């Protein structure tokens, strides 16, 4: 698994399509659902449907991916507070996508 699929670790071409993945410092053996973090850190609801269908994620795998994304966002915010504005924005986006707009103020 890559383990850190956030916007800052993805190169996107001029056409908007991903062209490369960076930062393999956290790569290793683990739950492949970890790499589904990208579903909530980068994609919207329509994109998540396409990703889930294309990778064939079961309900359990999808739930684990969502839990990994939630955990990552909750760890990121206090650790980088005031020091990484782009990362904070991604973490807040993940929380809104996972918990809903009304749950995250």
PDB file of N, CA and C in Angstrom:
ATOM      1  N   UNK A   1       0.844  -1.188   0.000  1.00  0.00           N
ATOM      2  CA  UNK A   1       0.000   0.000   0.000  1.00  0.00           C
ATOM      3  C   UNK A   1       0.881   1.241   0.000  1.00  0.00           C
ATOM      4  N   UNK A   2       0.387   2.317  -0.571  1.00  0.00           N
ATOM      5  CA  UNK A   2       1.092   3.600  -0.532  1.00  0.00           C
ATOM      6  C   UNK A   2       0.954   4.194   0.862  1.00  0.00           C
ATOM      7  N   UNK A   3      -0.262   4.255   1.359  1.00  0.00           N
ATOM      8  CA  UNK A   3      -0.513   4.688   2.717  1.00  0.00           C
ATOM      9  C   UNK A   3      -0.699   6.169   2.927  1.00  0.00           C
ATOM     10  N   UNK A   4      -0.571   6.972   1.893  1.00  0.00           N
ATOM     11  CA  UNK A   4      -0.680   8.422   2.066  1.00  0.00           C
ATOM     12  C   UNK A   4      -1.159   9.073   0.769  1.00  0.00           C
ATOM     13  N   UNK A   5      -2.213   8.531   0.193  1.00  0.00           N
ATOM     14  CA  UNK A   5      -2.706   9.069  -1.078  1.00  0.00           C
ATOM     15  C   UNK A   5      -3.547  10.324  -0.848  1.00  0.00           C
ATOM     16  N   UNK A   6      -2.849  11.431  -0.742  1.00  0.00           N
ATOM     17  CA  UNK A   6      -3.457  12.742  -0.574  1.00  0.00           C
ATOM     18  C   UNK A   6      -3.127  13.584  -1.801  1.00  0.00           C
ATOM     19  N   UNK A   7      -3.842  14.675  -2.023  1.00  0.00           N
ATOM     20  CA  UNK A   7      -3.588  15.492  -3.210  1.00  0.00           C
ATOM     21  C   UNK A   7      -2.131  15.906  -3.386  1.00  0.00           C
ATOM     22  N   UNK A   8      -1.433  16.193  -2.304  1.00  0.00           N
ATOM     23  CA  UNK A   8      -0.037  16.603  -2.398  1.00  0.00           C
ATOM     24  C   UNK A   8       0.904  15.514  -2.868  1.00  0.00           C
ATOM     25  N   UNK A   9       0.434  14.280  -2.896  1.00  0.00           N
ATOM     26  CA  UNK A   9       1.262  13.163  -3.341  1.00  0.00           C
ATOM     27  C   UNK A   9       0.850  12.648  -4.711  1.00  0.00           C
ATOM     28  N   UNK A  10       0.036  13.415  -5.412  1.00  0.00           N
ATOM     29  CA  UNK A  10      -0.409  13.051  -6.757  1.00  0.00           C
ATOM     30  C   UNK A  10      -0.005  14.128  -7.745  1.00  0.00           C
ATOM     31  N   UNK A  11       0.564  13.725  -8.876  1.00  0.00           N
ATOM     32  CA  UNK A  11       0.820  14.658  -9.970  1.00  0.00           C
ATOM     33  C   UNK A  11      -0.340  14.538 -10.938  1.00  0.00           C
ATOM     34  N   UNK A  12      -0.839  15.681 -11.373  1.00  0.00           N
ATOM     35  CA  UNK A  12      -1.971  15.718 -12.287  1.00  0.00           C
ATOM     36  C   UNK A  12      -1.535  16.439 -13.551  1.00  0.00           C
ATOM     37  N   UNK A  13      -1.860  15.859 -14.703  1.00  0.00           N
ATOM     38  CA  UNK A  13      -1.511  16.463 -15.982  1.00  0.00           C
ATOM     39  C   UNK A  13      -2.403  17.649 -16.316  1.00  0.00           C
ATOM     40  N   UNK A  14      -2.077  18.325 -17.386  1.00  0.00           N
ATOM     41  CA  UNK A  14      -2.858  19.486 -17.816  1.00  0.00           C
ATOM     42  C   UNK A  14      -4.308  19.129 -18.104  1.00  0.00           C
ATOM     43  N   UNK A  15      -4.558  17.873 -18.468  1.00  0.00           N
ATOM     44  CA  UNK A  15      -5.920  17.429 -18.753  1.00  0.00           C
ATOM     45  C   UNK A  15      -6.692  17.077 -17.490  1.00  0.00           C
ATOM     46  N   UNK A  16      -6.047  17.192 -16.323  1.00  0.00           N
ATOM     47  CA  UNK A  16      -6.694  16.904 -15.052  1.00  0.00           C
ATOM     48  C   UNK A  16      -6.608  15.447 -14.632  1.00  0.00           C
ATOM     49  N   UNK A  17      -6.035  14.609 -15.462  1.00  0.00           N
ATOM     50  CA  UNK A  17      -5.908  13.191 -15.135  1.00  0.00           C
ATOM     51  C   UNK A  17      -4.649  12.950 -14.312  1.00  0.00           C
ATOM     52  N   UNK A  18      -4.726  12.084 -13.307  1.00  0.00           N
ATOM     53  CA  UNK A  18      -3.528  11.753 -12.533  1.00  0.00           C
ATOM     54  C   UNK A  18      -2.452  11.159 -13.437  1.00  0.00           C
ATOM     55  N   UNK A  19      -1.214  11.584 -13.225  1.00  0.00           N
ATOM     56  CA  UNK A  19      -0.131  11.085 -14.064  1.00  0.00           C
ATOM     57  C   UNK A  19       0.955  10.362 -13.260  1.00  0.00           C
ATOM     58  N   UNK A  20       1.006  10.582 -11.939  1.00  0.00           N
ATOM     59  CA  UNK A  20       2.019   9.917 -11.124  1.00  0.00           C
ATOM     60  C   UNK A  20       1.655   9.996  -9.650  1.00  0.00           C
ATOM     61  N   UNK A  21       2.184   9.068  -8.885  1.00  0.00           N
ATOM     62  CA  UNK A  21       2.045   9.061  -7.438  1.00  0.00           C
ATOM     63  C   UNK A  21       3.437   9.277  -6.850  1.00  0.00           C
ATOM     64  N   UNK A  22       3.534  10.149  -5.839  1.00  0.00           N
ATOM     65  CA  UNK A  22       4.807  10.497  -5.208  1.00  0.00           C
ATOM     66  C   UNK A  22       4.841  10.022  -3.759  1.00  0.00           C
ATOM     67  N   UNK A  23       5.987  10.202  -3.125  1.00  0.00           N
ATOM     68  CA  UNK A  23       6.168  10.019  -1.689  1.00  0.00           C
ATOM     69  C   UNK A  23       5.801   8.615  -1.239  1.00  0.00           C
ATOM     70  N   UNK A  24       6.710   7.695  -1.460  1.00  0.00           N
ATOM     71  CA  UNK A  24       6.478   6.312  -1.073  1.00  0.00           C
ATOM     72  C   UNK A  24       7.101   5.984   0.279  1.00  0.00           C
ATOM     73  N   UNK A  25       7.343   7.003   1.101  1.00  0.00           N
ATOM     74  CA  UNK A  25       7.952   6.804   2.407  1.00  0.00           C
ATOM     75  C   UNK A  25       7.116   5.886   3.293  1.00  0.00           C
ATOM     76  N   UNK A  26       5.787   5.973   3.169  1.00  0.00           N
ATOM     77  CA  UNK A  26       4.911   5.151   3.999  1.00  0.00           C
ATOM     78  C   UNK A  26       4.492   3.851   3.340  1.00  0.00           C
ATOM     79  N   UNK A  27       5.042   3.549   2.167  1.00  0.00           N
ATOM     80  CA  UNK A  27       4.630   2.350   1.437  1.00  0.00           C
ATOM     81  C   UNK A  27       5.052   1.092   2.185  1.00  0.00           C
ATOM     82  N   UNK A  28       4.221   0.087   2.090  1.00  0.00           N
ATOM     83  CA  UNK A  28       4.564  -1.169   2.728  1.00  0.00           C
ATOM     84  C   UNK A  28       3.446  -2.175   2.577  1.00  0.00           C
ATOM     85  N   UNK A  29       3.569  -3.236   3.297  1.00  0.00           N
ATOM     86  CA  UNK A  29       2.556  -4.285   3.290  1.00  0.00           C
ATOM     87  C   UNK A  29       1.479  -3.887   4.285  1.00  0.00           C
ATOM     88  N   UNK A  30       0.247  -4.005   3.872  1.00  0.00           N
ATOM     89  CA  UNK A  30      -0.840  -3.662   4.777  1.00  0.00           C
ATOM     90  C   UNK A  30      -2.182  -3.833   4.115  1.00  0.00           C
ATOM     91  N   UNK A  31      -3.171  -3.299   4.744  1.00  0.00           N
ATOM     92  CA  UNK A  31      -4.536  -3.388   4.250  1.00  0.00           C
ATOM     93  C   UNK A  31      -4.681  -2.525   2.996  1.00  0.00           C
ATOM     94  N   UNK A  32      -4.999  -3.124   1.852  1.00  0.00           N
ATOM     95  CA  UNK A  32      -5.139  -2.330   0.633  1.00  0.00           C
ATOM     96  C   UNK A  32      -6.247  -1.282   0.727  1.00  0.00           C
ATOM     97  N   UNK A  33      -7.160  -1.432   1.674  1.00  0.00           N
ATOM     98  CA  UNK A  33      -8.207  -0.425   1.858  1.00  0.00           C
ATOM     99  C   UNK A  33      -7.617   0.920   2.256  1.00  0.00           C
ATOM    100  N   UNK A  34      -6.403   0.911   2.788  1.00  0.00           N
ATOM    101  CA  UNK A  34      -5.730   2.152   3.174  1.00  0.00           C
ATOM    102  C   UNK A  34      -5.602   3.093   1.977  1.00  0.00           C
ATOM    103  N   UNK A  35      -5.367   2.533   0.805  1.00  0.00           N
ATOM    104  CA  UNK A  35      -5.205   3.382  -0.375  1.00  0.00           C
ATOM    105  C   UNK A  35      -6.528   3.918  -0.912  1.00  0.00           C
ATOM    106  N   UNK A  36      -7.630   3.536  -0.297  1.00  0.00           N
ATOM    107  CA  UNK A  36      -8.917   4.128  -0.665  1.00  0.00           C
ATOM    108  C   UNK A  36      -9.096   5.501  -0.035  1.00  0.00           C
ATOM    109  N   UNK A  37      -8.154   5.941   0.783  1.00  0.00           N
ATOM    110  CA  UNK A  37      -8.200   7.292   1.355  1.00  0.00           C
ATOM    111  C   UNK A  37      -8.444   8.317   0.259  1.00  0.00           C
ATOM    112  N   UNK A  38      -7.883   8.073  -0.899  1.00  0.00           N
ATOM    113  CA  UNK A  38      -8.019   8.995  -2.028  1.00  0.00           C
ATOM    114  C   UNK A  38      -9.490   9.238  -2.385  1.00  0.00           C
ATOM    115  N   UNK A  39     -10.352   8.292  -2.075  1.00  0.00           N
ATOM    116  CA  UNK A  39     -11.779   8.451  -2.385  1.00  0.00           C
ATOM    117  C   UNK A  39     -12.379   9.638  -1.652  1.00  0.00           C
ATOM    118  N   UNK A  40     -11.890   9.918  -0.455  1.00  0.00           N
ATOM    119  CA  UNK A  40     -12.429  11.027   0.328  1.00  0.00           C
ATOM    120  C   UNK A  40     -11.507  12.242   0.360  1.00  0.00           C
ATOM    121  N   UNK A  41     -10.226  12.065   0.037  1.00  0.00           N
ATOM    122  CA  UNK A  41      -9.309  13.207   0.053  1.00  0.00           C
ATOM    123  C   UNK A  41      -9.269  13.937  -1.291  1.00  0.00           C
ATOM    124  N   UNK A  42      -9.651  13.251  -2.369  1.00  0.00           N
ATOM    125  CA  UNK A  42      -9.548  13.847  -3.703  1.00  0.00           C
ATOM    126  C   UNK A  42     -10.884  13.836  -4.456  1.00  0.00           C
ATOM    127  N   UNK A  43     -11.600  12.744  -4.367  1.00  0.00           N
ATOM    128  CA  UNK A  43     -12.771  12.538  -5.223  1.00  0.00           C
ATOM    129  C   UNK A  43     -14.065  13.059  -4.603  1.00  0.00           C
ATOM    130  N   UNK A  44     -15.014  13.377  -5.484  1.00  0.00           N
ATOM    131  CA  UNK A  44     -16.357  13.713  -5.025  1.00  0.00           C
ATOM    132  C   UNK A  44     -17.184  12.434  -5.020  1.00  0.00           C
ATOM    133  N   UNK A  45     -18.469  12.546  -4.710  1.00  0.00           N
ATOM    134  CA  UNK A  45     -19.317  11.355  -4.600  1.00  0.00           C
ATOM    135  C   UNK A  45     -19.358  10.550  -5.897  1.00  0.00           C
ATOM    136  N   UNK A  46     -19.467  11.240  -7.032  1.00  0.00           N
ATOM    137  CA  UNK A  46     -19.486  10.534  -8.322  1.00  0.00           C
ATOM    138  C   UNK A  46     -18.162   9.820  -8.574  1.00  0.00           C
ATOM    139  N   UNK A  47     -17.065  10.477  -8.266  1.00  0.00           N
ATOM    140  CA  UNK A  47     -15.750   9.864  -8.425  1.00  0.00           C
ATOM    141  C   UNK A  47     -15.568   8.650  -7.531  1.00  0.00           C
ATOM    142  N   UNK A  48     -16.100   8.751  -6.300  1.00  0.00           N
ATOM    143  CA  UNK A  48     -16.018   7.607  -5.387  1.00  0.00           C
ATOM    144  C   UNK A  48     -16.769   6.406  -5.953  1.00  0.00           C
ATOM    145  N   UNK A  49     -17.927   6.641  -6.562  1.00  0.00           N
ATOM    146  CA  UNK A  49     -18.678   5.524  -7.152  1.00  0.00           C
ATOM    147  C   UNK A  49     -17.864   4.845  -8.248  1.00  0.00           C
ATOM    148  N   UNK A  50     -17.228   5.647  -9.093  1.00  0.00           N
ATOM    149  CA  UNK A  50     -16.411   5.088 -10.180  1.00  0.00           C
ATOM    150  C   UNK A  50     -15.241   4.309  -9.608  1.00  0.00           C
ATOM    151  N   UNK A  51     -14.546   4.876  -8.620  1.00  0.00           N
ATOM    152  CA  UNK A  51     -13.416   4.190  -8.006  1.00  0.00           C
ATOM    153  C   UNK A  51     -13.855   2.868  -7.387  1.00  0.00           C
ATOM    154  N   UNK A  52     -14.927   2.909  -6.619  1.00  0.00           N
ATOM    155  CA  UNK A  52     -15.375   1.685  -5.942  1.00  0.00           C
ATOM    156  C   UNK A  52     -15.738   0.599  -6.949  1.00  0.00           C
ATOM    157  N   UNK A  53     -16.444   0.991  -7.978  1.00  0.00           N
ATOM    158  CA  UNK A  53     -16.832   0.016  -8.995  1.00  0.00           C
ATOM    159  C   UNK A  53     -15.606  -0.533  -9.725  1.00  0.00           C
ATOM    160  N   UNK A  54     -14.678   0.351 -10.071  1.00  0.00           N
ATOM    161  CA  UNK A  54     -13.514  -0.083 -10.854  1.00  0.00           C
ATOM    162  C   UNK A  54     -12.555  -0.962 -10.058  1.00  0.00           C
ATOM    163  N   UNK A  55     -12.468  -0.759  -8.738  1.00  0.00           N
ATOM    164  CA  UNK A  55     -11.552  -1.587  -7.947  1.00  0.00           C
ATOM    165  C   UNK A  55     -12.272  -2.764  -7.299  1.00  0.00           C
ATOM    166  N   UNK A  56     -13.591  -2.805  -7.415  1.00  0.00           N
ATOM    167  CA  UNK A  56     -14.344  -3.935  -6.885  1.00  0.00           C
ATOM    168  C   UNK A  56     -14.328  -4.042  -5.372  1.00  0.00           C
ATOM    169  N   UNK A  57     -14.282  -2.901  -4.682  1.00  0.00           N
ATOM    170  CA  UNK A  57     -14.231  -2.912  -3.218  1.00  0.00           C
ATOM    171  C   UNK A  57     -15.525  -3.456  -2.629  1.00  0.00           C
ATOM    172  N   UNK A  58     -15.386  -4.421  -1.740  1.00  0.00           N
ATOM    173  CA  UNK A  58     -16.541  -4.962  -1.019  1.00  0.00           C
ATOM    174  C   UNK A  58     -17.031  -3.920  -0.013  1.00  0.00           C
ATOM    175  N   UNK A  59     -18.176  -4.165   0.583  1.00  0.00           N
ATOM    176  CA  UNK A  59     -18.682  -3.255   1.613  1.00  0.00           C
ATOM    177  C   UNK A  59     -17.683  -3.124   2.758  1.00  0.00           C
ATOM    178  N   UNK A  60     -17.097  -4.248   3.155  1.00  0.00           N
ATOM    179  CA  UNK A  60     -16.140  -4.229   4.265  1.00  0.00           C
ATOM    180  C   UNK A  60     -14.879  -3.438   3.905  1.00  0.00           C
ATOM    181  N   UNK A  61     -14.361  -3.656   2.711  1.00  0.00           N
ATOM    182  CA  UNK A  61     -13.157  -2.935   2.280  1.00  0.00           C
ATOM    183  C   UNK A  61     -13.448  -1.439   2.180  1.00  0.00           C
ATOM    184  N   UNK A  62     -14.604  -1.086   1.646  1.00  0.00           N
ATOM    185  CA  UNK A  62     -14.985   0.323   1.510  1.00  0.00           C
ATOM    186  C   UNK A  62     -15.103   0.974   2.881  1.00  0.00           C
ATOM    187  N   UNK A  63     -15.708   0.279   3.830  1.00  0.00           N
ATOM    188  CA  UNK A  63     -15.844   0.806   5.192  1.00  0.00           C
ATOM    189  C   UNK A  63     -14.468   0.999   5.835  1.00  0.00           C
ATOM    190  N   UNK A  64     -13.558   0.053   5.619  1.00  0.00           N
ATOM    191  CA  UNK A  64     -12.199   0.209   6.166  1.00  0.00           C
ATOM    192  C   UNK A  64     -11.490   1.394   5.524  1.00  0.00           C
ATOM    193  N   UNK A  65     -11.650   1.585   4.218  1.00  0.00           N
ATOM    194  CA  UNK A  65     -11.043   2.730   3.547  1.00  0.00           C
ATOM    195  C   UNK A  65     -11.560   4.042   4.107  1.00  0.00           C
ATOM    196  N   UNK A  66     -12.857   4.085   4.322  1.00  0.00           N
ATOM    197  CA  UNK A  66     -13.471   5.285   4.901  1.00  0.00           C
ATOM    198  C   UNK A  66     -12.937   5.526   6.312  1.00  0.00           C
ATOM    199  N   UNK A  67     -12.776   4.462   7.084  1.00  0.00           N
ATOM    200  CA  UNK A  67     -12.232   4.587   8.441  1.00  0.00           C
ATOM    201  C   UNK A  67     -10.781   5.070   8.404  1.00  0.00           C
ATOM    202  N   UNK A  68      -9.991   4.567   7.458  1.00  0.00           N
ATOM    203  CA  UNK A  68      -8.606   5.039   7.313  1.00  0.00           C
ATOM    204  C   UNK A  68      -8.597   6.537   6.995  1.00  0.00           C
ATOM    205  N   UNK A  69      -9.477   6.975   6.104  1.00  0.00           N
ATOM    206  CA  UNK A  69      -9.538   8.397   5.734  1.00  0.00           C
ATOM    207  C   UNK A  69      -9.952   9.250   6.927  1.00  0.00           C
ATOM    208  N   UNK A  70     -10.912   8.783   7.689  1.00  0.00           N
ATOM    209  CA  UNK A  70     -11.353   9.510   8.883  1.00  0.00           C
ATOM    210  C   UNK A  70     -10.215   9.614   9.894  1.00  0.00           C
ATOM    211  N   UNK A  71      -9.545   8.510  10.138  1.00  0.00           N
ATOM    212  CA  UNK A  71      -8.431   8.494  11.080  1.00  0.00           C
ATOM    213  C   UNK A  71      -7.320   9.436  10.639  1.00  0.00           C
ATOM    214  N   UNK A  72      -6.979   9.386   9.362  1.00  0.00           N
ATOM    215  CA  UNK A  72      -5.914  10.237   8.851  1.00  0.00           C
ATOM    216  C   UNK A  72      -6.251  11.715   9.038  1.00  0.00           C
ATOM    217  N   UNK A  73      -7.478  12.090   8.714  1.00  0.00           N
ATOM    218  CA  UNK A  73      -7.884  13.492   8.859  1.00  0.00           C
ATOM    219  C   UNK A  73      -7.834  13.930  10.317  1.00  0.00           C
ATOM    220  N   UNK A  74      -8.283  13.070  11.209  1.00  0.00           N
ATOM    221  CA  UNK A  74      -8.313  13.427  12.629  1.00  0.00           C
ATOM    222  C   UNK A  74      -6.913  13.523  13.223  1.00  0.00           C
ATOM    223  N   UNK A  75      -5.979  12.752  12.711  1.00  0.00           N
ATOM    224  CA  UNK A  75      -4.587  12.837  13.165  1.00  0.00           C
ATOM    225  C   UNK A  75      -3.904  14.065  12.562  1.00  0.00           C
ATOM    226  N   UNK A  76      -4.195  14.334  11.284  1.00  0.00           N
ATOM    227  CA  UNK A  76      -3.535  15.417  10.559  1.00  0.00           C
ATOM    228  C   UNK A  76      -3.838  16.782  11.179  1.00  0.00           C
ATOM    229  N   UNK A  77      -5.100  17.031  11.503  1.00  0.00           N
ATOM    230  CA  UNK A  77      -5.499  18.375  11.946  1.00  0.00           C
ATOM    231  C   UNK A  77      -4.739  18.870  13.171  1.00  0.00           C
ATOM    232  N   UNK A  78      -4.723  18.160  14.277  1.00  0.00           N
ATOM    233  CA  UNK A  78      -3.982  18.710  15.424  1.00  0.00           C
ATOM    234  C   UNK A  78      -2.465  18.718  15.214  1.00  0.00           C
ATOM    235  N   UNK A  79      -1.957  17.771  14.449  1.00  0.00           N
ATOM    236  CA  UNK A  79      -0.514  17.688  14.237  1.00  0.00           C
ATOM    237  C   UNK A  79       0.008  18.861  13.410  1.00  0.00           C
ATOM    238  N   UNK A  80      -0.732  19.234  12.366  1.00  0.00           N
ATOM    239  CA  UNK A  80      -0.266  20.286  11.449  1.00  0.00           C
ATOM    240  C   UNK A  80      -0.976  21.628  11.630  1.00  0.00           C
ATOM    241  N   UNK A  81      -1.778  21.766  12.656  1.00  0.00           N
ATOM    242  CA  UNK A  81      -2.558  22.988  12.851  1.00  0.00           C
ATOM    243  C   UNK A  81      -1.688  24.241  12.757  1.00  0.00           C
ATOM    244  N   UNK A  82      -2.092  25.123  11.866  1.00  0.00           N
ATOM    245  CA  UNK A  82      -1.385  26.385  11.676  1.00  0.00           C
ATOM    246  C   UNK A  82      -0.085  26.288  10.911  1.00  0.00           C
ATOM    247  N   UNK A  83       0.311  25.087  10.481  1.00  0.00           N
ATOM    248  CA  UNK A  83       1.594  24.917   9.799  1.00  0.00           C
ATOM    249  C   UNK A  83       1.476  24.365   8.388  1.00  0.00           C
ATOM    250  N   UNK A  84       0.300  23.901   8.004  1.00  0.00           N
ATOM    251  CA  UNK A  84       0.144  23.261   6.691  1.00  0.00           C
ATOM    252  C   UNK A  84      -1.281  23.520   6.195  1.00  0.00           C
ATOM    253  N   UNK A  85      -1.504  24.726   5.673  1.00  0.00           N
ATOM    254  CA  UNK A  85      -2.858  25.149   5.290  1.00  0.00           C
ATOM    255  C   UNK A  85      -3.489  24.240   4.238  1.00  0.00           C
ATOM    256  N   UNK A  86      -2.715  23.843   3.233  1.00  0.00           N
ATOM    257  CA  UNK A  86      -3.278  22.968   2.192  1.00  0.00           C
ATOM    258  C   UNK A  86      -3.689  21.620   2.780  1.00  0.00           C
ATOM    259  N   UNK A  87      -2.854  21.071   3.626  1.00  0.00           N
ATOM    260  CA  UNK A  87      -3.165  19.795   4.254  1.00  0.00           C
ATOM    261  C   UNK A  87      -4.366  19.886   5.186  1.00  0.00           C
ATOM    262  N   UNK A  88      -4.454  20.998   5.906  1.00  0.00           N
ATOM    263  CA  UNK A  88      -5.614  21.204   6.771  1.00  0.00           C
ATOM    264  C   UNK A  88      -6.893  21.257   5.941  1.00  0.00           C
ATOM    265  N   UNK A  89      -6.836  21.929   4.805  1.00  0.00           N
ATOM    266  CA  UNK A  89      -8.013  22.029   3.933  1.00  0.00           C
ATOM    267  C   UNK A  89      -8.445  20.641   3.449  1.00  0.00           C
ATOM    268  N   UNK A  90      -7.472  19.800   3.109  1.00  0.00           N
ATOM    269  CA  UNK A  90      -7.789  18.439   2.667  1.00  0.00           C
ATOM    270  C   UNK A  90      -8.420  17.658   3.816  1.00  0.00           C
ATOM    271  N   UNK A  91      -7.859  17.770   5.006  1.00  0.00           N
ATOM    272  CA  UNK A  91      -8.390  17.039   6.162  1.00  0.00           C
ATOM    273  C   UNK A  91      -9.817  17.475   6.477  1.00  0.00           C
ATOM    274  N   UNK A  92     -10.068  18.782   6.448  1.00  0.00           N
ATOM    275  CA  UNK A  92     -11.439  19.261   6.682  1.00  0.00           C
ATOM    276  C   UNK A  92     -12.376  18.766   5.594  1.00  0.00           C
ATOM    277  N   UNK A  93     -11.904  18.715   4.342  1.00  0.00           N
ATOM    278  CA  UNK A  93     -12.723  18.200   3.248  1.00  0.00           C
ATOM    279  C   UNK A  93     -13.058  16.737   3.493  1.00  0.00           C
ATOM    280  N   UNK A  94     -12.065  15.950   3.909  1.00  0.00           N
ATOM    281  CA  UNK A  94     -12.290  14.533   4.200  1.00  0.00           C
ATOM    282  C   UNK A  94     -13.365  14.387   5.277  1.00  0.00           C
ATOM    283  N   UNK A  95     -13.262  15.162   6.330  1.00  0.00           N
ATOM    284  CA  UNK A  95     -14.246  15.076   7.406  1.00  0.00           C
ATOM    285  C   UNK A  95     -15.647  15.415   6.904  1.00  0.00           C
ATOM    286  N   UNK A  96     -15.757  16.459   6.075  1.00  0.00           N
ATOM    287  CA  UNK A  96     -17.077  16.824   5.536  1.00  0.00           C
ATOM    288  C   UNK A  96     -17.622  15.734   4.620  1.00  0.00           C
ATOM    289  N   UNK A  97     -16.747  15.136   3.798  1.00  0.00           N
ATOM    290  CA  UNK A  97     -17.181  14.086   2.880  1.00  0.00           C
ATOM    291  C   UNK A  97     -17.599  12.827   3.640  1.00  0.00           C
ATOM    292  N   UNK A  98     -16.934  12.529   4.737  1.00  0.00           N
ATOM    293  CA  UNK A  98     -17.218  11.315   5.496  1.00  0.00           C
ATOM    294  C   UNK A  98     -18.381  11.505   6.461  1.00  0.00           C
ATOM    295  N   UNK A  99     -18.368  12.607   7.192  1.00  0.00           N
ATOM    296  CA  UNK A  99     -19.355  12.820   8.248  1.00  0.00           C
ATOM    297  C   UNK A  99     -20.553  13.647   7.812  1.00  0.00           C
ATOM    298  N   UNK A 100     -20.409  14.379   6.710  1.00  0.00           N
ATOM    299  CA  UNK A 100     -21.485  15.249   6.234  1.00  0.00           C
ATOM    300  C   UNK A 100     -21.247  16.693   6.628  1.00  0.00           C
ATOM    301  N   UNK A 101     -21.737  17.575   5.806  1.00  0.00           N
ATOM    302  CA  UNK A 101     -21.541  19.017   6.015  1.00  0.00           C
ATOM    303  C   UNK A 101     -22.059  19.474   7.391  1.00  0.00           C
ATOM    304  N   UNK A 102     -23.207  18.959   7.798  1.00  0.00           N
ATOM    305  CA  UNK A 102     -23.809  19.397   9.050  1.00  0.00           C
ATOM    306  C   UNK A 102     -23.025  18.958  10.286  1.00  0.00           C
ATOM    307  N   UNK A 103     -22.254  17.893  10.166  1.00  0.00           N
ATOM    308  CA  UNK A 103     -21.483  17.386  11.294  1.00  0.00           C
ATOM    309  C   UNK A 103     -20.172  18.122  11.481  1.00  0.00           C
ATOM    310  N   UNK A 104     -19.698  18.819  10.445  1.00  0.00           N
ATOM    311  CA  UNK A 104     -18.402  19.483  10.486  1.00  0.00           C
ATOM    312  C   UNK A 104     -18.599  20.968  10.281  1.00  0.00           C
ATOM    313  N   UNK A 105     -18.262  21.726  11.267  1.00  0.00           N
ATOM    314  CA  UNK A 105     -18.416  23.193  11.179  1.00  0.00           C
ATOM    315  C   UNK A 105     -17.091  23.860  11.011  1.00  0.00           C
TER     316      UNK A 105
END
